[in-house]
Amino acid sequence: MSLNDPRLAYLRSGDLPNLPGALCVEIGEAAFFPEPGESTVKARAVCGACPVRDACLTFALENDERFGMWGGTTPTQRKKMRRNR
């Protein structure tokens, strides 16, 4: 998904969760919003070492985040998590 996609306008507006210590801000959002078929290895590695991973995942679940990697999970994984709640 292109970061210019209108569905991701909040990324450009800065309307993101305030998660001090999040490692993703050091990498840039492109790795966390891969195009279909692109690897998520880099994003998963960053999320795996991130001290605010749980808070990030909670944000994504509570806000029905449907795009990108959040808390080390894909949209499909989060959809399953929401269904199992």
Protein backbone atom coordinates (compact mmCIF):
# COMPACT_ATOMS: atom_id res chain seq x y z
CA MET A 1 0.00 0.00 0.00
CA SER A 2 1.39 3.36 -0.97
CA LEU A 3 1.82 5.84 1.85
CA ASN A 4 -0.01 8.30 -0.42
CA ASP A 5 -3.14 6.15 -0.19
CA PRO A 6 -6.00 8.32 1.16
CA ARG A 7 -6.78 5.65 3.76
CA LEU A 8 -3.45 6.45 5.41
CA ALA A 9 -3.96 10.22 5.58
CA TYR A 10 -3.66 10.13 9.37
CA LEU A 11 -0.01 9.12 9.01
CA ARG A 12 0.72 12.32 7.14
CA SER A 13 -1.32 14.41 9.58
CA GLY A 14 0.66 13.15 12.56
CA ASP A 15 -2.47 11.65 14.14
CA LEU A 16 -0.61 8.67 15.56
CA PRO A 17 -0.55 7.22 19.04
CA ASN A 18 1.89 8.79 21.45
CA LEU A 19 4.15 5.86 22.29
CA PRO A 20 7.41 7.21 23.74
CA GLY A 21 10.23 4.78 23.09
CA ALA A 22 8.67 3.27 19.95
CA LEU A 23 11.46 1.97 17.74
CA CYS A 24 9.44 2.38 14.53
CA VAL A 25 9.90 6.15 14.57
CA GLU A 26 13.63 5.58 14.02
CA ILE A 27 12.98 3.44 10.93
CA GLY A 28 10.18 5.32 9.16
CA GLU A 29 6.67 4.16 8.40
CA ALA A 30 7.32 2.65 4.96
CA ALA A 31 8.59 -0.62 6.44
CA PHE A 32 5.37 -0.95 8.44
CA PHE A 33 3.03 -0.43 5.49
CA PRO A 34 4.47 -2.79 2.87
CA GLU A 35 3.00 -3.17 -0.58
CA PRO A 36 1.27 -6.49 -1.23
CA GLY A 37 3.90 -9.19 -1.56
CA GLU A 38 6.64 -7.13 0.09
CA SER A 39 8.47 -8.55 3.07
CA THR A 40 7.47 -7.74 6.64
CA VAL A 41 10.72 -9.16 8.06
CA LYS A 42 12.21 -5.75 8.89
CA ALA A 43 9.04 -4.51 10.58
CA ARG A 44 8.66 -7.73 12.57
CA ALA A 45 12.28 -7.53 13.75
CA VAL A 46 11.84 -3.94 14.91
CA CYS A 47 8.53 -4.73 16.63
CA GLY A 48 10.05 -7.77 18.29
CA ALA A 49 12.63 -5.61 20.06
CA CYS A 50 10.32 -2.66 20.77
CA PRO A 51 9.59 -1.80 24.41
CA VAL A 52 6.10 -0.49 23.57
CA ARG A 53 4.98 -3.38 21.37
CA ASP A 54 2.06 -4.33 23.64
CA ALA A 55 0.80 -0.73 23.81
CA CYS A 56 1.07 -0.45 20.04
CA LEU A 57 -0.92 -3.64 19.52
CA THR A 58 -3.54 -2.47 22.01
CA PHE A 59 -3.88 0.81 20.11
CA ALA A 60 -4.34 -1.06 16.83
CA LEU A 61 -6.96 -3.39 18.25
CA GLU A 62 -8.90 -0.65 20.03
CA ASN A 63 -8.89 1.56 16.93
CA ASP A 64 -9.65 -1.20 14.42
CA GLU A 65 -6.41 -0.52 12.53
CA ARG A 66 -6.86 -2.31 9.20
CA PHE A 67 -3.59 -1.44 7.51
CA GLY A 68 0.07 -1.96 8.27
CA MET A 69 2.09 -3.71 10.93
CA TRP A 70 1.18 -2.73 14.49
CA GLY A 71 2.67 -4.39 17.54
CA GLY A 72 4.30 -6.96 15.30
CA THR A 73 1.01 -8.13 13.78
CA THR A 74 -0.49 -7.99 10.32
CA PRO A 75 -4.03 -6.82 9.57
CA THR A 76 -5.09 -10.46 9.16
CA GLN A 77 -3.66 -11.42 12.53
CA ARG A 78 -5.42 -8.51 14.24
CA LYS A 79 -8.70 -9.42 12.57
CA LYS A 80 -8.44 -12.91 14.06
CA MET A 81 -7.57 -11.45 17.48
CA ARG A 82 -10.66 -9.20 17.39
CA ARG A 83 -12.86 -12.14 16.43
CA ASN A 84 -11.51 -14.22 19.32
CA ARG A 85 -12.12 -11.54 21.96
